[in-house]
Amino acid sequence: MSAIDEMQKEIVETQEFVRERLGPVTKELTLMREEQERLAGEVRRVLEHDRSVRRDALLGRGSNDRVRVRGGKLDGFDLVDLAVMRSLLAAQQARPQDYDPRALRAWQESVAKAMDSTTAGAGDELVPQEEARQLWADVNVETAVASLFETVTMPSNPFDVPLQLGDVNWYPGTANTATTATDLKTAKQTLTAYELVGMVPWAYELDEDAVVAMMAEVRSTLLRNAAQVLDDVLLNADASTSSNINHDGQNLAASAAGKAHYLLGFDGLLHLPLVDNSAMRNDFNAKPTVDMCNQLRRMLGKYGVRPSELAFITDVGTYIAMQAVDSFQTLDKLGPRATLLTGQLGAVEGVPVIVSEQLRLADADGKVSSDGNVADTGRLLLVNRTQWRKGFKRELLIETERDIQKRQNVMVVSMRVAFAERSGDRANATHTALQYNVKHA
């Protein structure tokens, strides 16, 4: 046999060996990847279903509790839909010369009748207040993270929330004798609201039927985006333009599309363990285990004692990987308790696990870089909910104006939000902790 024949034989034998030994492994890895993708899709489906059920329950959809237009072209519209319609109409009325007067009058009459029908003949003066309340309720149902924290309505900006710190000293009592009083330390938590603004040009000719047809999509997009950005900033906000935890490695500008909102003016939940107090973060560098969760509770100390005050927040991939942990209760085990909190899909030793699409995969250092690296590690955040407050100086506001140069309706949606931790000393705060570099495979 020639040397070439011998070499070909060895190559064939090597190929057969590789197929025999590695073939099943390759197949198993492919199946695991497909299963993970399937589970990720299922988690997203369950989250959406949970939000839908909550929204319907809150807004009385399908019952007589929800205020809707009765009759006419806008039959079935609720106050949120009317808010958008009225904003668009106001933009058209600002430049009536651009439109057919008959079409403008027809639209105005339809909206006026619809507003009147929602207040049972009491006029439309109550519609702005009611539509704002309902719109904000809709947004809050969509959120997973924002709904975890106490909300303060801010009568001024900034607004100081008075706090009382310290413990009362106790003494043995003596009859007819006053005991020694304890002078409690007092403090305040300052909430400063910052504005979030989104602007979308909407080009179309004045056509009432077209607006009615588009309303469902306008409404769903508006609510979804408002809820997403609200959760996003509470989790990821970082007011630093350099070494931003969402743009690590480069400077971040206030004009950067998709990331500029992180520069809102306050720092969010993740900023505390990643930047302010590094003792509250841990490089886990492994697949999820029981101790991954318990370690975070130990790091919180006294703030980690009561499950009712705590919440785990994680990404979809880490949630899927956590299902291999014996003490992790999945949706089917929680049963009727599975919807205690928006987005809750499980619990670890009584502490709810909230899955948020706004908690993204990160690099091995726990931050999201800007150098094009493929982020592939998860994060698990544990927060004591009583130690954070969010406030609103202005809830969701919809305004529309006409751009005569481009002949577009420009819709502007805005809110003024504040978020602060209780102590005011983030460098020493121990009520929020993070596991990063969590492996999924």
Protein backbone atom coordinates (compact mmCIF):
# COMPACT_ATOMS: atom_id res chain seq x y z
CA MET A 1 0.00 0.00 0.00
CA SER A 2 1.40 3.39 -0.98
CA ALA A 3 1.99 6.19 1.48
CA ILE A 4 -0.86 8.18 -0.11
CA ASP A 5 -3.27 5.25 0.29
CA GLU A 6 -2.19 4.85 3.90
CA MET A 7 -2.76 8.55 4.58
CA GLN A 8 -6.22 8.45 2.96
CA LYS A 9 -7.13 5.47 5.09
CA GLU A 10 -6.07 7.29 8.26
CA ILE A 11 -8.11 10.33 7.24
CA VAL A 12 -11.21 8.20 6.69
CA GLU A 13 -10.72 6.45 10.02
CA THR A 14 -10.28 9.80 11.76
CA GLN A 15 -13.48 11.16 10.21
CA GLU A 16 -15.40 8.07 11.28
CA PHE A 17 -14.02 8.41 14.81
CA VAL A 18 -15.03 12.08 15.01
CA ARG A 19 -18.54 11.31 13.72
CA GLU A 20 -18.93 8.43 16.13
CA ARG A 21 -17.74 10.29 19.21
CA LEU A 22 -18.78 13.89 18.56
CA GLY A 23 -21.90 13.38 16.46
CA PRO A 24 -24.23 12.80 19.44
CA VAL A 25 -22.67 15.69 21.35
CA THR A 26 -23.18 18.08 18.44
CA LYS A 27 -26.77 16.93 18.09
CA GLU A 28 -27.37 17.40 21.82
CA LEU A 29 -25.92 20.93 21.76
CA THR A 30 -28.17 21.81 18.83
CA LEU A 31 -31.21 20.48 20.68
CA MET A 32 -30.24 22.44 23.81
CA ARG A 33 -29.91 25.64 21.80
CA GLU A 34 -33.29 25.08 20.14
CA GLU A 35 -34.87 24.36 23.52
CA GLN A 36 -33.44 27.54 25.03
CA GLU A 37 -34.81 29.58 22.13
CA ARG A 38 -38.20 27.92 22.55
CA LEU A 39 -38.25 28.63 26.27
CA ALA A 40 -37.24 32.25 25.70
CA GLY A 41 -40.17 32.67 23.33
CA GLU A 42 -42.50 31.01 25.83
CA VAL A 43 -41.36 33.36 28.61
CA ARG A 44 -42.08 36.38 26.43
CA ARG A 45 -45.49 34.95 25.56
CA VAL A 46 -46.37 34.42 29.22
CA LEU A 47 -45.22 37.95 30.09
CA GLU A 48 -47.42 39.43 27.38
CA HIS A 49 -50.38 37.30 28.44
CA ASP A 50 -49.90 38.38 32.07
CA ARG A 51 -49.88 42.03 31.08
CA SER A 52 -52.96 41.59 28.93
CA VAL A 53 -54.92 39.93 31.73
CA ARG A 54 -53.89 42.62 34.22
CA ARG A 55 -54.73 45.41 31.82
CA ASP A 56 -58.16 44.00 31.10
CA ALA A 57 -58.87 43.53 34.81
CA LEU A 58 -57.70 47.02 35.75
CA LEU A 59 -59.54 48.80 32.98
CA GLY A 60 -62.71 46.74 33.20
CA ARG A 61 -62.45 45.59 29.60
CA GLY A 62 -65.49 43.53 28.72
CA SER A 63 -67.57 45.04 31.54
CA ASN A 64 -69.59 48.20 32.10
CA ASP A 65 -66.92 49.70 34.39
CA ARG A 66 -64.78 51.05 31.59
CA VAL A 67 -65.84 54.35 30.04
CA ARG A 68 -66.28 54.02 26.29
CA VAL A 69 -67.87 56.00 23.49
CA ARG A 70 -71.40 54.88 22.75
CA GLY A 71 -72.33 55.06 19.07
CA GLY A 72 -71.02 57.03 16.12
CA LYS A 73 -67.79 56.60 14.16
CA LEU A 74 -65.74 56.39 17.35
CA ASP A 75 -67.94 53.74 18.92
CA GLY A 76 -65.92 51.69 21.43
CA PHE A 77 -63.12 54.26 21.84
CA ASP A 78 -62.03 54.86 25.41
CA LEU A 79 -60.56 57.99 26.98
CA VAL A 80 -57.00 57.15 25.98
CA ASP A 81 -58.00 56.84 22.34
CA LEU A 82 -59.84 60.16 22.60
CA ALA A 83 -56.74 61.82 24.08
CA VAL A 84 -54.78 60.97 20.94
CA MET A 85 -57.65 61.99 18.67
CA ARG A 86 -58.12 65.32 20.40
CA SER A 87 -54.39 66.07 20.25
CA LEU A 88 -54.37 65.41 16.50
CA LEU A 89 -57.48 67.52 16.00
CA ALA A 90 -55.94 70.45 17.87
CA ALA A 91 -52.95 70.34 15.52
CA GLN A 92 -55.27 70.51 12.49
CA GLN A 93 -57.32 73.36 13.96
CA ALA A 94 -54.15 75.42 14.39
CA ARG A 95 -53.91 75.63 10.58
CA PRO A 96 -57.46 75.22 9.22
CA GLN A 97 -56.47 76.79 5.89
CA ASP A 98 -54.55 73.62 4.98
CA TYR A 99 -57.67 71.47 4.94
CA ASP A 100 -61.10 71.14 3.49
CA PRO A 101 -63.30 73.04 6.00
CA ARG A 102 -66.06 70.45 5.69
CA ALA A 103 -63.72 67.58 6.56
CA LEU A 104 -62.31 69.52 9.52
CA ARG A 105 -65.78 70.33 10.84
CA ALA A 106 -66.87 66.70 10.48
CA TRP A 107 -63.90 65.48 12.46
CA GLN A 108 -64.41 68.14 15.13
CA GLU A 109 -68.07 67.19 15.51
CA SER A 110 -67.24 63.47 15.80
CA VAL A 111 -64.67 64.07 18.54
CA ALA A 112 -66.95 66.51 20.42
CA LYS A 113 -69.84 64.04 20.38
CA ALA A 114 -67.58 61.22 21.49
CA MET A 115 -66.24 63.26 24.41
CA ASP A 116 -69.72 64.18 25.52
CA SER A 117 -70.88 60.55 25.36
CA THR A 118 -68.08 59.46 27.71
CA THR A 119 -69.28 61.82 30.45
CA ALA A 120 -72.98 60.84 30.29
CA GLY A 121 -74.14 64.31 29.24
CA ALA A 122 -72.02 66.18 31.76
CA GLY A 123 -69.90 67.84 29.08
CA ASP A 124 -66.28 67.20 28.18
CA GLU A 125 -64.62 69.23 30.93
CA LEU A 126 -63.82 66.06 32.90
CA VAL A 127 -62.36 64.16 29.99
CA PRO A 128 -58.76 65.48 30.27
CA GLN A 129 -58.44 64.40 33.92
CA GLU A 130 -60.04 61.01 33.33
CA GLU A 131 -58.08 60.24 30.19
CA ALA A 132 -54.80 61.09 31.94
CA ARG A 133 -55.68 58.76 34.83
CA GLN A 134 -56.65 55.92 32.52
CA LEU A 135 -53.64 56.41 30.26
CA TRP A 136 -51.28 56.27 33.21
CA ALA A 137 -53.02 53.20 34.61
CA ASP A 138 -52.51 51.51 31.26
CA VAL A 139 -48.79 52.34 31.27
CA ASN A 140 -48.30 51.13 34.85
CA VAL A 141 -49.85 47.77 34.01
CA GLU A 142 -47.31 47.37 31.20
CA THR A 143 -44.32 47.98 33.50
CA ALA A 144 -42.51 45.19 35.35
CA VAL A 145 -39.89 47.17 37.30
CA ALA A 146 -41.60 50.52 37.95
CA SER A 147 -44.56 48.83 39.63
CA LEU A 148 -42.25 47.41 42.32
CA PHE A 149 -41.68 50.75 44.02
CA GLU A 150 -43.79 53.20 45.95
CA THR A 151 -44.93 56.13 43.83
CA VAL A 152 -44.97 59.71 45.09
CA THR A 153 -46.99 62.40 43.35
CA MET A 154 -44.72 65.44 43.43
CA PRO A 155 -46.47 68.76 44.18
CA SER A 156 -43.19 70.57 43.52
CA ASN A 157 -39.85 69.87 41.87
CA PRO A 158 -37.67 68.99 43.66
CA PHE A 159 -39.84 67.46 46.36
CA ASP A 160 -38.54 66.43 49.78
CA VAL A 161 -39.98 63.29 51.34
CA PRO A 162 -39.47 63.50 55.13
CA LEU A 163 -37.83 60.46 56.72
CA GLN A 164 -37.27 59.38 60.31
CA LEU A 165 -34.15 57.35 61.00
CA GLY A 166 -32.88 55.52 64.06
CA ASP A 167 -34.33 53.27 66.75
CA VAL A 168 -36.23 54.18 69.92
CA ASN A 169 -34.38 53.53 73.20
CA TRP A 170 -36.35 51.45 75.69
CA TYR A 171 -36.00 51.59 79.52
CA PRO A 172 -37.53 49.83 82.52
CA GLY A 173 -40.65 51.67 83.62
CA THR A 174 -41.13 53.24 87.05
CA ALA A 175 -44.56 54.23 88.39
CA ASN A 176 -45.34 57.96 88.24
CA THR A 177 -41.96 58.65 86.63
CA ALA A 178 -41.41 59.85 83.09
CA THR A 179 -38.92 57.83 81.13
CA THR A 180 -36.06 59.22 79.10
CA ALA A 181 -37.07 60.42 75.66
CA THR A 182 -35.24 59.34 72.53
CA ASP A 183 -34.24 62.10 70.15
CA LEU A 184 -34.72 60.51 66.75
CA LYS A 185 -32.59 61.60 63.87
CA THR A 186 -34.53 63.03 60.98
CA ALA A 187 -33.67 63.12 57.32
CA LYS A 188 -35.28 63.64 53.95
CA GLN A 189 -35.29 61.97 50.58
CA THR A 190 -35.18 64.45 47.74
CA LEU A 191 -36.93 63.54 44.51
CA THR A 192 -35.89 65.58 41.48
CA ALA A 193 -37.97 65.02 38.35
CA TYR A 194 -36.38 64.87 34.92
CA GLU A 195 -38.16 65.00 31.62
CA LEU A 196 -38.33 62.14 29.13
CA VAL A 197 -39.52 63.16 25.68
CA GLY A 198 -40.25 61.21 22.52
CA MET A 199 -41.25 62.80 19.23
CA VAL A 200 -42.65 61.03 16.18
CA PRO A 201 -43.59 62.70 12.87
CA TRP A 202 -46.85 61.33 11.51
CA ALA A 203 -47.45 62.27 7.89
CA TYR A 204 -50.99 61.85 6.52
CA GLU A 205 -53.78 63.83 4.98
CA LEU A 206 -56.72 64.80 7.14
CA ASP A 207 -58.96 61.75 6.95
CA GLU A 208 -61.04 60.82 9.94
CA ASP A 209 -61.52 57.23 8.78
CA ALA A 210 -57.75 56.76 8.40
CA VAL A 211 -57.14 58.02 11.93
CA VAL A 212 -59.79 55.70 13.35
CA ALA A 213 -58.24 52.74 11.54
CA MET A 214 -54.77 53.53 12.86
CA MET A 215 -55.81 54.24 16.45
CA ALA A 216 -55.32 50.70 17.79
CA GLU A 217 -51.72 50.61 16.53
CA VAL A 218 -51.00 54.15 17.76
CA ARG A 219 -52.30 53.33 21.20
CA SER A 220 -50.46 50.00 21.60
CA THR A 221 -47.18 51.49 20.38
CA LEU A 222 -47.53 54.50 22.67
CA LEU A 223 -48.21 52.44 25.78
CA ARG A 224 -45.58 49.82 25.02
CA ASN A 225 -42.83 52.35 24.39
CA ALA A 226 -43.72 54.45 27.45
CA ALA A 227 -43.63 51.39 29.71
CA GLN A 228 -40.39 50.12 28.19
CA VAL A 229 -38.52 53.39 28.58
CA LEU A 230 -39.80 53.81 32.14
CA ASP A 231 -38.52 50.37 33.21
CA ASP A 232 -35.35 50.93 31.20
CA VAL A 233 -34.33 54.12 32.99
CA LEU A 234 -35.20 52.82 36.47
CA LEU A 235 -32.92 49.85 35.86
CA ASN A 236 -30.16 51.25 33.66
CA ALA A 237 -30.03 55.05 34.02
CA ASP A 238 -26.53 56.44 34.32
CA ALA A 239 -26.01 60.20 34.18
CA SER A 240 -22.31 59.83 33.22
CA THR A 241 -21.39 60.58 29.62
CA SER A 242 -18.10 58.66 29.99
CA SER A 243 -17.79 55.03 31.12
CA ASN A 244 -21.57 54.77 31.11
CA ILE A 245 -22.68 51.31 32.25
CA ASN A 246 -24.75 51.02 29.05
CA HIS A 247 -22.06 52.35 26.70
CA ASP A 248 -18.85 51.24 28.42
CA GLY A 249 -15.68 52.13 26.56
CA GLN A 250 -16.89 55.25 24.77
CA ASN A 251 -18.50 58.57 25.54
CA LEU A 252 -22.28 58.74 25.36
CA ALA A 253 -23.97 61.82 23.91
CA ALA A 254 -27.42 63.18 24.69
CA SER A 255 -28.22 62.82 20.98
CA ALA A 256 -27.38 59.09 20.75
CA ALA A 257 -30.45 57.26 19.45
CA GLY A 258 -31.50 54.33 21.63
CA LYS A 259 -29.20 55.20 24.54
CA ALA A 260 -29.52 58.94 25.17
CA HIS A 261 -32.36 58.39 27.68
CA TYR A 262 -29.86 56.82 30.12
CA LEU A 263 -28.44 60.32 30.68
CA LEU A 264 -31.74 61.40 32.18
CA GLY A 265 -30.25 63.00 35.30
CA PHE A 266 -30.38 60.26 37.94
CA ASP A 267 -28.68 56.88 38.36
CA GLY A 268 -30.79 53.73 38.35
CA LEU A 269 -30.77 50.43 40.23
CA LEU A 270 -27.83 48.80 38.45
CA HIS A 271 -25.61 51.83 38.90
CA LEU A 272 -25.49 51.34 42.68
CA PRO A 273 -23.71 47.93 42.74
CA LEU A 274 -21.79 48.45 39.50
CA VAL A 275 -20.39 51.90 40.32
CA ASP A 276 -21.43 53.47 43.62
CA ASN A 277 -20.74 50.60 46.04
CA SER A 278 -18.68 47.82 44.45
CA ALA A 279 -19.01 45.71 47.62
CA MET A 280 -22.59 45.02 46.56
CA ARG A 281 -21.66 43.19 43.37
CA ASN A 282 -20.22 39.74 42.80
CA ASP A 283 -18.59 38.13 39.76
CA PHE A 284 -20.50 34.84 39.87
CA ASN A 285 -18.80 33.31 36.80
CA ALA A 286 -20.89 30.12 36.84
CA LYS A 287 -24.30 28.68 36.03
CA PRO A 288 -27.13 29.54 38.45
CA THR A 289 -27.20 27.70 41.77
CA VAL A 290 -29.20 27.93 44.98
CA ASP A 291 -26.40 29.88 46.60
CA MET A 292 -26.43 32.49 43.82
CA CYS A 293 -29.68 33.85 45.27
CA ASN A 294 -28.83 33.27 48.93
CA GLN A 295 -25.50 35.04 48.50
CA LEU A 296 -27.31 38.19 47.41
CA ARG A 297 -29.56 38.07 50.47
CA ARG A 298 -26.51 37.70 52.71
CA MET A 299 -24.95 40.73 51.03
CA LEU A 300 -28.07 42.76 51.89
CA GLY A 301 -27.77 41.93 55.59
CA LYS A 302 -30.71 43.38 57.51
CA TYR A 303 -32.29 44.53 54.25
CA GLY A 304 -32.49 40.94 53.00
CA VAL A 305 -34.51 39.44 55.86
CA ARG A 306 -38.15 39.96 54.81
CA PRO A 307 -39.16 38.33 51.51
CA SER A 308 -42.16 40.66 51.28
CA GLU A 309 -39.79 43.63 50.86
CA LEU A 310 -37.53 41.99 48.28
CA ALA A 311 -37.58 41.30 44.57
CA PHE A 312 -35.15 39.56 42.23
CA ILE A 313 -34.94 41.12 38.76
CA THR A 314 -33.32 39.17 35.96
CA ASP A 315 -33.10 38.74 32.20
CA VAL A 316 -34.89 36.08 30.17
CA GLY A 317 -31.80 33.91 29.67
CA THR A 318 -30.92 33.81 33.36
CA TYR A 319 -34.51 33.02 34.26
CA ILE A 320 -34.45 30.00 31.96
CA ALA A 321 -31.15 28.83 33.42
CA MET A 322 -32.54 29.25 36.96
CA GLN A 323 -35.20 26.66 36.29
CA ALA A 324 -32.56 23.99 36.94
CA VAL A 325 -32.30 25.22 40.55
CA ASP A 326 -34.31 22.94 42.85
CA SER A 327 -35.58 25.68 45.17
CA PHE A 328 -36.75 27.86 42.29
CA GLN A 329 -40.55 27.84 42.03
CA THR A 330 -41.70 28.14 38.44
CA LEU A 331 -45.02 29.44 37.21
CA ASP A 332 -46.89 26.15 37.49
CA LYS A 333 -45.81 25.68 41.12
CA LEU A 334 -46.84 29.19 42.14
CA GLY A 335 -50.38 28.58 40.98
CA PRO A 336 -52.75 31.44 41.93
CA ARG A 337 -49.84 33.38 43.49
CA ALA A 338 -48.09 33.63 40.13
CA THR A 339 -49.49 37.09 39.39
CA LEU A 340 -48.68 38.83 42.66
CA LEU A 341 -46.38 41.21 40.81
CA THR A 342 -46.31 42.27 37.18
CA GLY A 343 -43.84 40.12 35.29
CA GLN A 344 -43.41 37.64 38.15
CA LEU A 345 -42.75 34.16 36.78
CA GLY A 346 -41.28 32.44 39.84
CA ALA A 347 -39.95 32.78 43.36
CA VAL A 348 -36.88 31.73 45.32
CA GLU A 349 -37.62 31.03 48.99
CA GLY A 350 -40.58 33.38 48.92
CA VAL A 351 -38.83 36.21 47.07
CA PRO A 352 -40.50 36.97 43.71
CA VAL A 353 -38.44 36.74 40.53
CA ILE A 354 -39.31 39.47 38.03
CA VAL A 355 -38.28 38.96 34.42
CA SER A 356 -37.60 42.20 32.57
CA GLU A 357 -36.75 42.54 28.89
CA GLN A 358 -35.01 45.80 29.82
CA LEU A 359 -32.33 43.94 31.81
CA ARG A 360 -30.05 43.07 28.93
CA LEU A 361 -27.26 40.53 28.60
CA ALA A 362 -23.92 42.08 29.52
CA ASP A 363 -20.18 41.55 29.18
CA ALA A 364 -18.21 39.62 31.80
CA ASP A 365 -17.74 42.82 33.85
CA GLY A 366 -21.50 43.32 34.24
CA LYS A 367 -21.66 46.33 31.92
CA VAL A 368 -22.87 46.70 28.36
CA SER A 369 -19.99 47.79 26.13
CA SER A 370 -20.02 49.84 22.95
CA ASP A 371 -17.20 48.08 21.09
CA GLY A 372 -19.35 45.56 19.25
CA ASN A 373 -18.72 42.64 21.60
CA VAL A 374 -21.51 40.09 21.75
CA ALA A 375 -22.85 40.31 25.31
CA ASP A 376 -23.59 36.78 26.49
CA THR A 377 -23.70 36.75 30.30
CA GLY A 378 -26.69 37.29 32.55
CA ARG A 379 -27.33 39.38 35.63
CA LEU A 380 -29.45 38.88 38.73
CA LEU A 381 -30.38 41.93 40.78
CA LEU A 382 -31.83 41.83 44.30
CA VAL A 383 -33.44 44.98 45.60
CA ASN A 384 -35.17 45.93 48.83
CA ARG A 385 -38.20 47.72 47.43
CA THR A 386 -38.79 49.86 50.51
CA GLN A 387 -35.47 51.66 50.01
CA TRP A 388 -36.33 53.24 46.67
CA ARG A 389 -39.02 55.68 45.61
CA LYS A 390 -40.16 56.93 42.26
CA GLY A 391 -42.04 60.15 41.72
CA PHE A 392 -43.86 61.89 38.92
CA LYS A 393 -44.17 65.61 38.49
CA ARG A 394 -45.93 65.04 35.18
CA GLU A 395 -47.42 61.78 34.06
CA LEU A 396 -47.76 60.85 30.40
CA LEU A 397 -48.70 63.86 28.25
CA ILE A 398 -49.63 63.70 24.56
CA GLU A 399 -49.26 66.81 22.40
CA THR A 400 -49.42 67.25 18.64
CA GLU A 401 -48.50 70.15 16.39
CA ARG A 402 -48.45 70.73 12.66
CA ASP A 403 -45.13 71.06 10.79
CA ILE A 404 -46.18 73.13 7.79
CA GLN A 405 -42.83 72.77 6.02
CA LYS A 406 -43.00 68.97 5.94
CA ARG A 407 -46.81 68.80 6.15
CA GLN A 408 -46.61 66.39 9.03
CA ASN A 409 -48.30 65.99 12.36
CA VAL A 410 -45.57 65.84 14.98
CA MET A 411 -46.71 63.92 18.05
CA VAL A 412 -44.74 64.58 21.24
CA VAL A 413 -45.10 62.29 24.26
CA SER A 414 -43.46 63.28 27.52
CA MET A 415 -43.30 62.60 31.26
CA ARG A 416 -41.31 63.95 34.22
CA VAL A 417 -39.99 61.18 36.46
CA ALA A 418 -37.83 61.04 39.57
CA PHE A 419 -36.10 58.06 41.20
CA ALA A 420 -33.99 58.01 44.36
CA GLU A 421 -32.73 55.60 46.97
CA ARG A 422 -33.69 56.24 50.57
CA SER A 423 -30.43 56.90 52.42
CA GLY A 424 -28.90 59.49 50.12
CA ASP A 425 -25.53 57.78 50.63
CA ARG A 426 -25.23 55.45 47.64
CA ALA A 427 -21.55 54.73 48.29
CA ASN A 428 -22.47 52.95 51.54
CA ALA A 429 -25.96 51.71 50.68
CA THR A 430 -26.39 47.95 51.18
CA HIS A 431 -30.00 47.43 50.12
CA THR A 432 -29.34 46.53 46.46
CA ALA A 433 -26.97 43.81 45.23
CA LEU A 434 -25.99 42.24 41.91
CA GLN A 435 -24.70 38.91 40.60
CA TYR A 436 -23.08 39.43 37.21
CA ASN A 437 -21.26 37.22 34.71
CA VAL A 438 -23.93 34.53 35.17
CA LYS A 439 -23.36 31.75 32.64
CA HIS A 440 -26.26 30.30 30.68
CA ALA A 441 -24.49 27.26 29.20
